[in-house]
């Protein structure tokens, strides 16, 4: 019995020492590893969120660049106040290139539009030419890079010309006042 008691005491002591060792050394290490693992997971999530935000920021930069490019393109479709005369001079060249003769260019009036420094400038234009040439002239105008509108188009036979027609219309130019 003495040997069995010693065995029981030895086994009990071994179990107690093992439990003490586990509680004093292994358990804190295990908790520390769990904390490190949780920190690693949260940092990994933060890195993932950072990458997502970085991609979103790049997308916003691209949208901003696209917006600025489109805004620039739209602003270029308007005539600047000081470029109206040069544009009207190009009408004469356009008439010559399309085998027409420019009879008159008469500015009619100006009208403020949208209250943002944008104006409509109405110009009465009259040309003389053959029907295909007049149509070509109008087509060239409508495909011009500057924003404009053609209204009140009238085509009729000229009295003094045997095969030529006369066309008159109101050309509306959209201008932006120059900022001083």
N, C-alpha and C. Protein backbone atom coordinates (compact mmCIF):
# COMPACT_ATOMS: atom_id res chain seq x y z
N UNK A 1 0.79 -1.17 0.00
CA UNK A 1 0.00 0.00 0.00
C UNK A 1 0.85 1.26 0.00
N UNK A 2 1.98 1.15 0.60
CA UNK A 2 2.85 2.28 0.65
C UNK A 2 3.30 2.66 -0.76
N UNK A 3 3.52 1.70 -1.57
CA UNK A 3 3.97 1.97 -2.93
C UNK A 3 2.82 2.59 -3.73
N UNK A 4 1.65 2.12 -3.49
CA UNK A 4 0.52 2.69 -4.21
C UNK A 4 0.26 4.11 -3.75
N UNK A 5 0.44 4.39 -2.47
CA UNK A 5 0.25 5.74 -1.98
C UNK A 5 1.29 6.66 -2.60
N UNK A 6 2.48 6.17 -2.69
CA UNK A 6 3.54 6.97 -3.30
C UNK A 6 3.24 7.21 -4.78
N UNK A 7 2.70 6.22 -5.45
CA UNK A 7 2.35 6.37 -6.85
C UNK A 7 1.23 7.40 -7.00
N UNK A 8 0.24 7.32 -6.12
CA UNK A 8 -0.88 8.24 -6.17
C UNK A 8 -0.38 9.66 -5.88
N UNK A 9 0.50 9.77 -4.88
CA UNK A 9 1.05 11.08 -4.55
C UNK A 9 1.89 11.60 -5.71
N UNK A 10 2.68 10.75 -6.31
CA UNK A 10 3.53 11.15 -7.44
C UNK A 10 2.67 11.56 -8.63
N UNK A 11 1.63 10.80 -8.91
CA UNK A 11 0.75 11.11 -10.05
C UNK A 11 -0.01 12.41 -9.75
N UNK A 12 -0.50 12.55 -8.52
CA UNK A 12 -1.21 13.76 -8.14
C UNK A 12 -0.26 14.95 -8.22
N UNK A 13 0.96 14.79 -7.72
CA UNK A 13 1.94 15.87 -7.79
C UNK A 13 2.24 16.22 -9.24
N UNK A 14 2.37 15.23 -10.08
CA UNK A 14 2.64 15.45 -11.50
C UNK A 14 1.49 16.21 -12.15
N UNK A 15 0.26 15.82 -11.80
CA UNK A 15 -0.91 16.51 -12.35
C UNK A 15 -0.94 17.95 -11.87
N UNK A 16 -0.67 18.17 -10.58
CA UNK A 16 -0.67 19.52 -10.02
C UNK A 16 0.44 20.36 -10.66
N UNK A 17 1.62 19.80 -10.82
CA UNK A 17 2.74 20.52 -11.45
C UNK A 17 2.39 20.85 -12.92
N UNK A 18 1.79 19.90 -13.60
CA UNK A 18 1.39 20.11 -14.99
C UNK A 18 0.36 21.23 -15.08
N UNK A 19 -0.63 21.20 -14.18
CA UNK A 19 -1.65 22.24 -14.17
C UNK A 19 -1.05 23.60 -13.85
N UNK A 20 -0.14 23.63 -12.87
CA UNK A 20 0.53 24.88 -12.54
C UNK A 20 1.35 25.39 -13.73
N UNK A 21 2.11 24.48 -14.35
CA UNK A 21 2.91 24.85 -15.52
C UNK A 21 2.00 25.38 -16.63
N UNK A 22 0.88 24.68 -16.87
CA UNK A 22 -0.05 25.09 -17.91
C UNK A 22 -0.64 26.46 -17.60
N UNK A 23 -1.08 26.65 -16.34
CA UNK A 23 -1.70 27.93 -15.95
C UNK A 23 -0.70 29.07 -15.89
N UNK A 24 0.54 28.78 -15.48
CA UNK A 24 1.52 29.85 -15.36
C UNK A 24 2.23 30.19 -16.67
N UNK A 25 2.44 29.22 -17.54
CA UNK A 25 3.23 29.47 -18.75
C UNK A 25 2.44 29.32 -20.05
N UNK A 26 1.73 28.23 -20.18
CA UNK A 26 1.06 27.94 -21.45
C UNK A 26 -0.17 28.82 -21.65
N UNK A 27 -1.00 28.92 -20.61
CA UNK A 27 -2.24 29.69 -20.73
C UNK A 27 -1.96 31.15 -21.08
N UNK A 28 -1.03 31.87 -20.40
CA UNK A 28 -0.75 33.25 -20.82
C UNK A 28 -0.23 33.34 -22.26
N UNK A 29 0.61 32.41 -22.63
CA UNK A 29 1.13 32.38 -24.01
C UNK A 29 -0.02 32.19 -25.00
N UNK A 30 -0.94 31.30 -24.64
CA UNK A 30 -2.09 31.03 -25.51
C UNK A 30 -2.95 32.29 -25.64
N UNK A 31 -3.20 33.00 -24.53
CA UNK A 31 -3.97 34.23 -24.58
C UNK A 31 -3.25 35.29 -25.41
N UNK A 32 -1.94 35.34 -25.22
CA UNK A 32 -1.15 36.30 -25.98
C UNK A 32 -1.21 35.98 -27.48
N UNK A 33 -1.13 34.70 -27.83
CA UNK A 33 -1.24 34.29 -29.23
C UNK A 33 -2.61 34.63 -29.80
N UNK A 34 -3.67 34.44 -28.99
CA UNK A 34 -5.02 34.80 -29.44
C UNK A 34 -5.11 36.30 -29.70
N UNK A 35 -4.52 37.10 -28.80
CA UNK A 35 -4.53 38.55 -28.96
C UNK A 35 -3.76 38.95 -30.21
N UNK A 36 -2.62 38.32 -30.41
CA UNK A 36 -1.82 38.62 -31.61
C UNK A 36 -2.59 38.21 -32.86
N UNK A 37 -3.27 37.08 -32.82
CA UNK A 37 -4.06 36.61 -33.96
C UNK A 37 -5.19 37.60 -34.26
N UNK A 38 -5.88 38.05 -33.22
CA UNK A 38 -6.95 39.04 -33.41
C UNK A 38 -6.41 40.35 -33.97
N UNK A 39 -5.26 40.78 -33.48
CA UNK A 39 -4.63 41.99 -33.99
C UNK A 39 -4.25 41.82 -35.45
N UNK A 40 -3.72 40.64 -35.79
CA UNK A 40 -3.34 40.34 -37.17
C UNK A 40 -4.58 40.39 -38.08
N UNK A 41 -5.68 39.80 -37.60
CA UNK A 41 -6.91 39.79 -38.40
C UNK A 41 -7.42 41.21 -38.59
N UNK A 42 -7.41 42.02 -37.51
CA UNK A 42 -7.90 43.39 -37.64
C UNK A 42 -6.98 44.22 -38.55
N UNK A 43 -5.67 44.01 -38.45
CA UNK A 43 -4.76 44.72 -39.35
C UNK A 43 -4.95 44.29 -40.80
N UNK A 44 -5.22 43.01 -40.99
CA UNK A 44 -5.48 42.50 -42.34
C UNK A 44 -6.76 43.13 -42.90
N UNK A 45 -7.79 43.24 -42.06
CA UNK A 45 -9.02 43.89 -42.48
C UNK A 45 -8.78 45.37 -42.78
N UNK A 46 -7.97 46.04 -41.95
CA UNK A 46 -7.64 47.44 -42.20
C UNK A 46 -6.89 47.61 -43.52
N UNK A 47 -5.97 46.69 -43.79
CA UNK A 47 -5.26 46.75 -45.07
C UNK A 47 -6.21 46.55 -46.24
N UNK A 48 -7.15 45.63 -46.06
CA UNK A 48 -8.14 45.39 -47.11
C UNK A 48 -9.00 46.64 -47.32
N UNK A 49 -9.44 47.25 -46.22
CA UNK A 49 -10.23 48.47 -46.32
C UNK A 49 -9.41 49.58 -46.96
N UNK A 50 -8.13 49.66 -46.60
CA UNK A 50 -7.24 50.67 -47.16
C UNK A 50 -7.12 50.49 -48.67
N UNK A 51 -6.95 49.25 -49.11
CA UNK A 51 -6.85 48.98 -50.55
C UNK A 51 -8.14 49.35 -51.27
N UNK A 52 -9.28 49.02 -50.63
CA UNK A 52 -10.57 49.37 -51.22
C UNK A 52 -10.71 50.88 -51.33
N UNK A 53 -10.36 51.60 -50.27
CA UNK A 53 -10.45 53.06 -50.28
C UNK A 53 -9.48 53.66 -51.30
N UNK A 54 -8.32 53.03 -51.44
CA UNK A 54 -7.34 53.49 -52.42
C UNK A 54 -7.91 53.35 -53.84
N UNK A 55 -8.57 52.22 -54.11
CA UNK A 55 -9.19 52.01 -55.42
C UNK A 55 -10.32 52.99 -55.64
N UNK A 56 -11.12 53.23 -54.59
CA UNK A 56 -12.21 54.20 -54.70
C UNK A 56 -11.66 55.60 -54.97
N UNK A 57 -10.56 55.95 -54.32
CA UNK A 57 -9.94 57.25 -54.54
C UNK A 57 -9.44 57.38 -55.98
N UNK A 58 -8.82 56.32 -56.49
CA UNK A 58 -8.35 56.33 -57.88
C UNK A 58 -9.53 56.49 -58.84
N UNK A 59 -10.63 55.77 -58.53
CA UNK A 59 -11.82 55.89 -59.36
C UNK A 59 -12.36 57.32 -59.33
N UNK A 60 -12.37 57.93 -58.14
CA UNK A 60 -12.82 59.32 -58.03
C UNK A 60 -11.90 60.27 -58.79
N UNK A 61 -10.59 60.02 -58.73
CA UNK A 61 -9.66 60.85 -59.49
C UNK A 61 -9.95 60.74 -60.99
N UNK A 62 -10.22 59.51 -61.45
CA UNK A 62 -10.53 59.31 -62.87
C UNK A 62 -11.83 60.01 -63.25
N UNK A 63 -12.83 59.91 -62.36
CA UNK A 63 -14.10 60.60 -62.62
C UNK A 63 -13.87 62.10 -62.66
N UNK A 64 -13.05 62.61 -61.75
CA UNK A 64 -12.74 64.04 -61.72
C UNK A 64 -12.04 64.47 -63.01
N UNK A 65 -11.08 63.67 -63.46
CA UNK A 65 -10.38 64.00 -64.71
C UNK A 65 -11.34 63.95 -65.89
N UNK A 66 -12.21 62.94 -65.93
CA UNK A 66 -13.19 62.85 -67.01
C UNK A 66 -14.13 64.05 -66.98
N UNK A 67 -14.56 64.42 -65.78
CA UNK A 67 -15.45 65.56 -65.64
C UNK A 67 -14.78 66.84 -66.13
N UNK A 68 -13.52 67.04 -65.73
CA UNK A 68 -12.80 68.24 -66.16
C UNK A 68 -12.61 68.26 -67.68
N UNK A 69 -12.33 67.09 -68.25
CA UNK A 69 -12.16 67.01 -69.70
C UNK A 69 -13.47 67.32 -70.42
N UNK A 70 -14.57 66.78 -69.90
CA UNK A 70 -15.87 67.05 -70.52
C UNK A 70 -16.27 68.51 -70.34
N UNK A 71 -15.99 69.06 -69.16
CA UNK A 71 -16.30 70.46 -68.92
C UNK A 71 -15.49 71.36 -69.86
N UNK A 72 -14.22 71.03 -70.05
CA UNK A 72 -13.37 71.78 -70.97
C UNK A 72 -13.92 71.69 -72.39
N UNK A 73 -14.34 70.48 -72.78
CA UNK A 73 -14.90 70.30 -74.12
C UNK A 73 -16.18 71.11 -74.29
N UNK A 74 -17.01 71.13 -73.26
CA UNK A 74 -18.25 71.91 -73.34
C UNK A 74 -17.93 73.40 -73.40
N UNK A 75 -17.01 73.85 -72.55
CA UNK A 75 -16.66 75.27 -72.56
C UNK A 75 -16.08 75.68 -73.91
N UNK A 76 -15.38 74.78 -74.58
CA UNK A 76 -14.80 75.09 -75.90
C UNK A 76 -15.87 75.17 -76.98
N UNK A 77 -17.04 74.63 -76.73
CA UNK A 77 -18.12 74.72 -77.72
C UNK A 77 -18.74 76.11 -77.73
N UNK A 78 -18.54 76.88 -76.66
CA UNK A 78 -19.05 78.25 -76.60
C UNK A 78 -18.00 79.18 -77.20
N UNK A 79 -18.47 80.23 -77.82
CA UNK A 79 -17.56 81.26 -78.32
C UNK A 79 -17.24 82.22 -77.19
N UNK A 80 -16.01 82.65 -77.13
CA UNK A 80 -15.67 83.73 -76.21
C UNK A 80 -16.17 85.03 -76.82
N UNK A 81 -16.46 85.96 -75.98
CA UNK A 81 -16.99 87.26 -76.41
C UNK A 81 -16.09 87.90 -77.47
N UNK A 82 -14.79 87.80 -77.29
CA UNK A 82 -13.86 88.46 -78.20
C UNK A 82 -13.62 87.67 -79.49
N UNK A 83 -14.17 86.47 -79.60
CA UNK A 83 -13.95 85.65 -80.80
C UNK A 83 -15.14 85.66 -81.76
N UNK A 84 -16.18 86.41 -81.44
CA UNK A 84 -17.36 86.42 -82.30
C UNK A 84 -17.02 86.96 -83.69
N UNK A 85 -16.29 88.06 -83.75
CA UNK A 85 -15.95 88.65 -85.06
C UNK A 85 -15.12 87.69 -85.91
N UNK A 86 -14.16 87.03 -85.29
CA UNK A 86 -13.35 86.08 -86.08
C UNK A 86 -14.21 84.91 -86.56
N UNK A 87 -15.18 84.48 -85.75
CA UNK A 87 -16.07 83.41 -86.19
C UNK A 87 -16.92 83.87 -87.37
N UNK A 88 -17.43 85.09 -87.30
CA UNK A 88 -18.24 85.60 -88.40
C UNK A 88 -17.42 85.74 -89.68
N UNK A 89 -16.14 86.04 -89.54
CA UNK A 89 -15.26 86.10 -90.73
C UNK A 89 -15.09 84.71 -91.34
N UNK A 90 -15.07 83.70 -90.50
CA UNK A 90 -14.93 82.33 -91.04
C UNK A 90 -16.17 81.91 -91.82
N UNK A 91 -17.31 82.57 -91.56
CA UNK A 91 -18.51 82.26 -92.35
C UNK A 91 -18.28 82.59 -93.82
N UNK A 92 -17.59 83.68 -94.09
CA UNK A 92 -17.29 84.05 -95.48
C UNK A 92 -16.41 82.98 -96.13
N UNK A 93 -15.40 82.52 -95.40
CA UNK A 93 -14.55 81.44 -95.95
C UNK A 93 -15.35 80.17 -96.19
N UNK A 94 -16.24 79.86 -95.27
CA UNK A 94 -17.08 78.67 -95.41
C UNK A 94 -17.98 78.81 -96.64
N UNK A 95 -18.52 80.01 -96.86
CA UNK A 95 -19.36 80.24 -98.04
C UNK A 95 -18.55 80.05 -99.32
N UNK A 96 -17.35 80.58 -99.34
CA UNK A 96 -16.48 80.43 -100.52
C UNK A 96 -16.13 78.97 -100.75
N UNK A 97 -15.78 78.26 -99.67
CA UNK A 97 -15.41 76.84 -99.79
C UNK A 97 -16.57 75.98 -100.27
N UNK A 98 -17.79 76.38 -99.99
CA UNK A 98 -18.95 75.60 -100.43
C UNK A 98 -19.59 76.19 -101.69
N UNK A 99 -18.84 77.06 -102.38
CA UNK A 99 -19.26 77.66 -103.65
C UNK A 99 -20.53 78.49 -103.51
N UNK A 100 -20.60 79.27 -102.45
CA UNK A 100 -21.70 80.21 -102.22
C UNK A 100 -21.12 81.61 -102.11
N UNK A 101 -22.02 82.58 -102.16
CA UNK A 101 -21.61 83.97 -101.97
C UNK A 101 -22.36 84.49 -100.75
N UNK A 102 -21.60 85.01 -99.80
CA UNK A 102 -22.21 85.56 -98.60
C UNK A 102 -22.71 86.96 -98.91
N UNK A 103 -24.02 87.16 -98.78
CA UNK A 103 -24.60 88.48 -99.07
C UNK A 103 -24.54 89.39 -97.85
N UNK A 104 -25.08 88.91 -96.72
CA UNK A 104 -25.11 89.77 -95.52
C UNK A 104 -24.89 88.96 -94.25
N UNK A 105 -24.30 89.65 -93.29
CA UNK A 105 -24.19 89.16 -91.91
C UNK A 105 -24.58 90.34 -91.03
N UNK A 106 -25.76 90.26 -90.45
CA UNK A 106 -26.24 91.36 -89.62
C UNK A 106 -26.55 90.87 -88.21
N UNK A 107 -25.75 91.30 -87.22
CA UNK A 107 -26.12 90.96 -85.84
C UNK A 107 -27.45 91.61 -85.50
N UNK A 108 -28.37 90.84 -84.95
CA UNK A 108 -29.70 91.35 -84.64
C UNK A 108 -29.79 91.81 -83.19
N UNK A 109 -29.53 90.90 -82.28
CA UNK A 109 -29.66 91.23 -80.86
C UNK A 109 -28.88 90.22 -80.01
N UNK A 110 -28.82 90.54 -78.73
CA UNK A 110 -28.20 89.66 -77.74
C UNK A 110 -29.23 89.40 -76.66
N UNK A 111 -29.15 88.22 -76.10
CA UNK A 111 -30.08 87.89 -75.03
C UNK A 111 -29.35 87.05 -73.98
N UNK A 112 -29.42 87.49 -72.72
CA UNK A 112 -28.77 86.73 -71.64
C UNK A 112 -29.49 85.41 -71.47
N UNK A 113 -28.72 84.40 -71.19
CA UNK A 113 -29.26 83.05 -71.06
C UNK A 113 -28.71 82.43 -69.79
N UNK A 114 -29.55 81.85 -68.99
CA UNK A 114 -29.17 81.12 -67.78
C UNK A 114 -28.56 81.99 -66.69
N UNK A 115 -28.34 83.25 -66.93
CA UNK A 115 -27.80 84.13 -65.90
C UNK A 115 -26.41 83.77 -65.44
N UNK A 116 -25.69 83.00 -66.22
CA UNK A 116 -24.35 82.57 -65.81
C UNK A 116 -23.28 83.11 -66.75
N UNK A 117 -23.52 84.29 -67.33
CA UNK A 117 -22.54 84.85 -68.24
C UNK A 117 -22.65 84.28 -69.64
N UNK A 118 -23.72 83.51 -69.91
CA UNK A 118 -23.92 82.94 -71.24
C UNK A 118 -24.95 83.80 -71.96
N UNK A 119 -24.64 84.13 -73.22
CA UNK A 119 -25.55 84.94 -74.03
C UNK A 119 -25.82 84.25 -75.35
N UNK A 120 -27.00 84.52 -75.88
CA UNK A 120 -27.32 84.13 -77.24
C UNK A 120 -27.12 85.37 -78.11
N UNK A 121 -26.37 85.21 -79.18
CA UNK A 121 -26.17 86.30 -80.13
C UNK A 121 -26.86 85.88 -81.43
N UNK A 122 -27.85 86.66 -81.82
CA UNK A 122 -28.61 86.35 -83.02
C UNK A 122 -28.02 87.13 -84.20
N UNK A 123 -27.72 86.40 -85.28
CA UNK A 123 -27.12 87.01 -86.46
C UNK A 123 -27.94 86.59 -87.68
N UNK A 124 -28.39 87.57 -88.46
CA UNK A 124 -29.12 87.27 -89.70
C UNK A 124 -28.09 87.09 -90.81
N UNK A 125 -28.17 85.95 -91.48
CA UNK A 125 -27.21 85.62 -92.53
C UNK A 125 -27.97 85.37 -93.82
N UNK A 126 -27.42 85.87 -94.93
CA UNK A 126 -28.01 85.62 -96.24
C UNK A 126 -26.88 85.20 -97.18
N UNK A 127 -27.14 84.13 -97.94
CA UNK A 127 -26.15 83.64 -98.92
C UNK A 127 -26.87 83.40 -100.25
N UNK A 128 -26.07 83.33 -101.30
CA UNK A 128 -26.57 83.05 -102.64
C UNK A 128 -25.74 81.91 -103.20
N UNK A 129 -26.42 80.95 -103.81
CA UNK A 129 -25.71 79.83 -104.42
C UNK A 129 -26.69 78.81 -104.99
N UNK A 130 -26.14 77.76 -105.51
CA UNK A 130 -26.99 76.68 -106.02
C UNK A 130 -27.47 75.84 -104.83
N UNK A 131 -28.57 75.14 -105.05
CA UNK A 131 -29.20 74.40 -103.95
C UNK A 131 -28.23 73.44 -103.25
N UNK A 132 -27.48 72.59 -103.99
CA UNK A 132 -26.55 71.67 -103.29
C UNK A 132 -25.48 72.42 -102.49
N UNK A 133 -25.04 73.56 -103.01
CA UNK A 133 -24.03 74.35 -102.30
C UNK A 133 -24.59 74.95 -101.02
N UNK A 134 -25.82 75.42 -101.09
CA UNK A 134 -26.46 75.98 -99.89
C UNK A 134 -26.64 74.89 -98.84
N UNK A 135 -27.10 73.73 -99.26
CA UNK A 135 -27.29 72.60 -98.32
C UNK A 135 -25.94 72.21 -97.71
N UNK A 136 -24.90 72.18 -98.52
CA UNK A 136 -23.56 71.85 -98.02
C UNK A 136 -23.10 72.89 -97.00
N UNK A 137 -23.35 74.17 -97.29
CA UNK A 137 -23.00 75.25 -96.36
C UNK A 137 -23.71 75.05 -95.02
N UNK A 138 -25.01 74.77 -95.07
CA UNK A 138 -25.78 74.57 -93.84
C UNK A 138 -25.31 73.32 -93.08
N UNK A 139 -24.98 72.29 -93.82
CA UNK A 139 -24.48 71.07 -93.19
C UNK A 139 -23.15 71.32 -92.48
N UNK A 140 -22.29 72.10 -93.13
CA UNK A 140 -21.00 72.44 -92.52
C UNK A 140 -21.21 73.27 -91.25
N UNK A 141 -22.19 74.15 -91.28
CA UNK A 141 -22.49 74.95 -90.09
C UNK A 141 -23.00 74.08 -88.94
N UNK A 142 -23.89 73.16 -89.25
CA UNK A 142 -24.48 72.34 -88.19
C UNK A 142 -23.49 71.36 -87.58
N UNK A 143 -22.43 71.04 -88.31
CA UNK A 143 -21.42 70.13 -87.75
C UNK A 143 -20.22 70.89 -87.20
N UNK A 144 -20.35 72.21 -87.12
CA UNK A 144 -19.25 73.03 -86.59
C UNK A 144 -19.03 72.70 -85.12
N UNK A 145 -17.78 72.85 -84.67
CA UNK A 145 -17.44 72.51 -83.27
C UNK A 145 -18.05 73.47 -82.27
N UNK A 146 -18.35 74.68 -82.69
CA UNK A 146 -18.95 75.65 -81.78
C UNK A 146 -20.45 75.43 -81.70
N UNK A 147 -20.99 75.74 -80.55
CA UNK A 147 -22.41 75.56 -80.30
C UNK A 147 -23.19 76.67 -81.00
N UNK A 148 -24.08 76.27 -81.90
CA UNK A 148 -24.88 77.24 -82.63
C UNK A 148 -26.21 76.60 -83.03
N UNK A 149 -27.12 77.46 -83.47
CA UNK A 149 -28.44 76.98 -83.89
C UNK A 149 -28.86 77.78 -85.10
N UNK A 150 -29.52 77.11 -86.05
CA UNK A 150 -30.03 77.76 -87.26
C UNK A 150 -31.55 77.76 -87.18
N UNK A 151 -32.16 78.95 -87.31
CA UNK A 151 -33.62 79.05 -87.30
C UNK A 151 -34.07 79.95 -88.44
N UNK A 152 -35.36 79.96 -88.67
CA UNK A 152 -35.99 80.82 -89.68
C UNK A 152 -35.33 80.69 -91.06
N UNK A 153 -35.06 79.47 -91.46
CA UNK A 153 -34.42 79.23 -92.76
C UNK A 153 -35.44 79.44 -93.88
N UNK A 154 -35.05 80.26 -94.85
CA UNK A 154 -35.88 80.51 -96.03
C UNK A 154 -35.00 80.41 -97.25
N UNK A 155 -35.42 79.57 -98.20
CA UNK A 155 -34.68 79.44 -99.47
C UNK A 155 -35.64 79.83 -100.59
N UNK A 156 -35.19 80.75 -101.43
CA UNK A 156 -36.04 81.19 -102.54
C UNK A 156 -35.18 81.55 -103.74
N UNK A 157 -35.81 81.62 -104.89
CA UNK A 157 -35.10 81.95 -106.13
C UNK A 157 -34.76 83.44 -106.12
N UNK A 158 -33.52 83.71 -106.45
CA UNK A 158 -33.06 85.11 -106.55
C UNK A 158 -33.58 85.70 -107.87
N UNK A 159 -34.00 86.94 -107.84
CA UNK A 159 -34.56 87.59 -109.04
C UNK A 159 -33.52 87.84 -110.11
N UNK A 160 -32.38 88.33 -109.69
CA UNK A 160 -31.39 88.74 -110.68
C UNK A 160 -30.49 87.59 -111.13
N UNK A 161 -30.52 86.47 -110.49
CA UNK A 161 -29.69 85.32 -110.87
C UNK A 161 -30.57 84.28 -111.55
N UNK A 162 -30.07 83.68 -112.63
CA UNK A 162 -30.91 82.73 -113.35
C UNK A 162 -31.03 81.37 -112.67
N UNK A 163 -29.95 80.79 -112.13
CA UNK A 163 -30.05 79.47 -111.52
C UNK A 163 -29.71 79.48 -110.03
N UNK A 164 -29.32 80.61 -109.51
CA UNK A 164 -28.95 80.68 -108.10
C UNK A 164 -30.17 80.91 -107.22
N UNK A 165 -30.04 80.37 -106.00
CA UNK A 165 -31.08 80.56 -104.99
C UNK A 165 -30.52 81.43 -103.88
N UNK A 166 -31.41 82.04 -103.15
CA UNK A 166 -31.00 82.82 -101.98
C UNK A 166 -31.48 82.12 -100.73
N UNK A 167 -30.65 82.08 -99.75
CA UNK A 167 -31.04 81.49 -98.47
C UNK A 167 -30.78 82.51 -97.38
N UNK A 168 -31.76 82.66 -96.51
CA UNK A 168 -31.57 83.54 -95.36
C UNK A 168 -31.99 82.76 -94.12
N UNK A 169 -31.30 83.03 -93.02
CA UNK A 169 -31.60 82.34 -91.77
C UNK A 169 -31.03 83.14 -90.62
N UNK A 170 -31.49 82.79 -89.44
CA UNK A 170 -30.96 83.41 -88.23
C UNK A 170 -30.03 82.39 -87.58
N UNK A 171 -28.81 82.82 -87.39
CA UNK A 171 -27.79 81.99 -86.75
C UNK A 171 -27.67 82.44 -85.30
N UNK A 172 -27.90 81.51 -84.38
CA UNK A 172 -27.79 81.83 -82.95
C UNK A 172 -26.47 81.27 -82.44
N UNK A 173 -25.62 82.16 -81.97
CA UNK A 173 -24.33 81.77 -81.39
C UNK A 173 -24.44 81.86 -79.88
N UNK A 174 -23.83 80.92 -79.20
CA UNK A 174 -23.83 80.93 -77.74
C UNK A 174 -22.45 81.37 -77.27
N UNK A 175 -22.43 82.43 -76.48
CA UNK A 175 -21.14 83.00 -76.06
C UNK A 175 -21.03 83.02 -74.54
N UNK A 176 -19.79 83.02 -74.11
CA UNK A 176 -19.47 83.19 -72.69
C UNK A 176 -18.74 84.51 -72.58
N UNK A 177 -19.21 85.35 -71.67
CA UNK A 177 -18.53 86.64 -71.48
C UNK A 177 -17.14 86.40 -70.93
N UNK A 178 -16.20 87.13 -71.48
CA UNK A 178 -14.81 87.02 -71.01
C UNK A 178 -14.72 87.53 -69.59
N UNK A 179 -14.01 86.77 -68.75
CA UNK A 179 -13.83 87.20 -67.36
C UNK A 179 -12.65 88.15 -67.30
N UNK A 180 -12.86 89.33 -66.76
CA UNK A 180 -11.79 90.34 -66.69
C UNK A 180 -11.29 90.45 -65.29
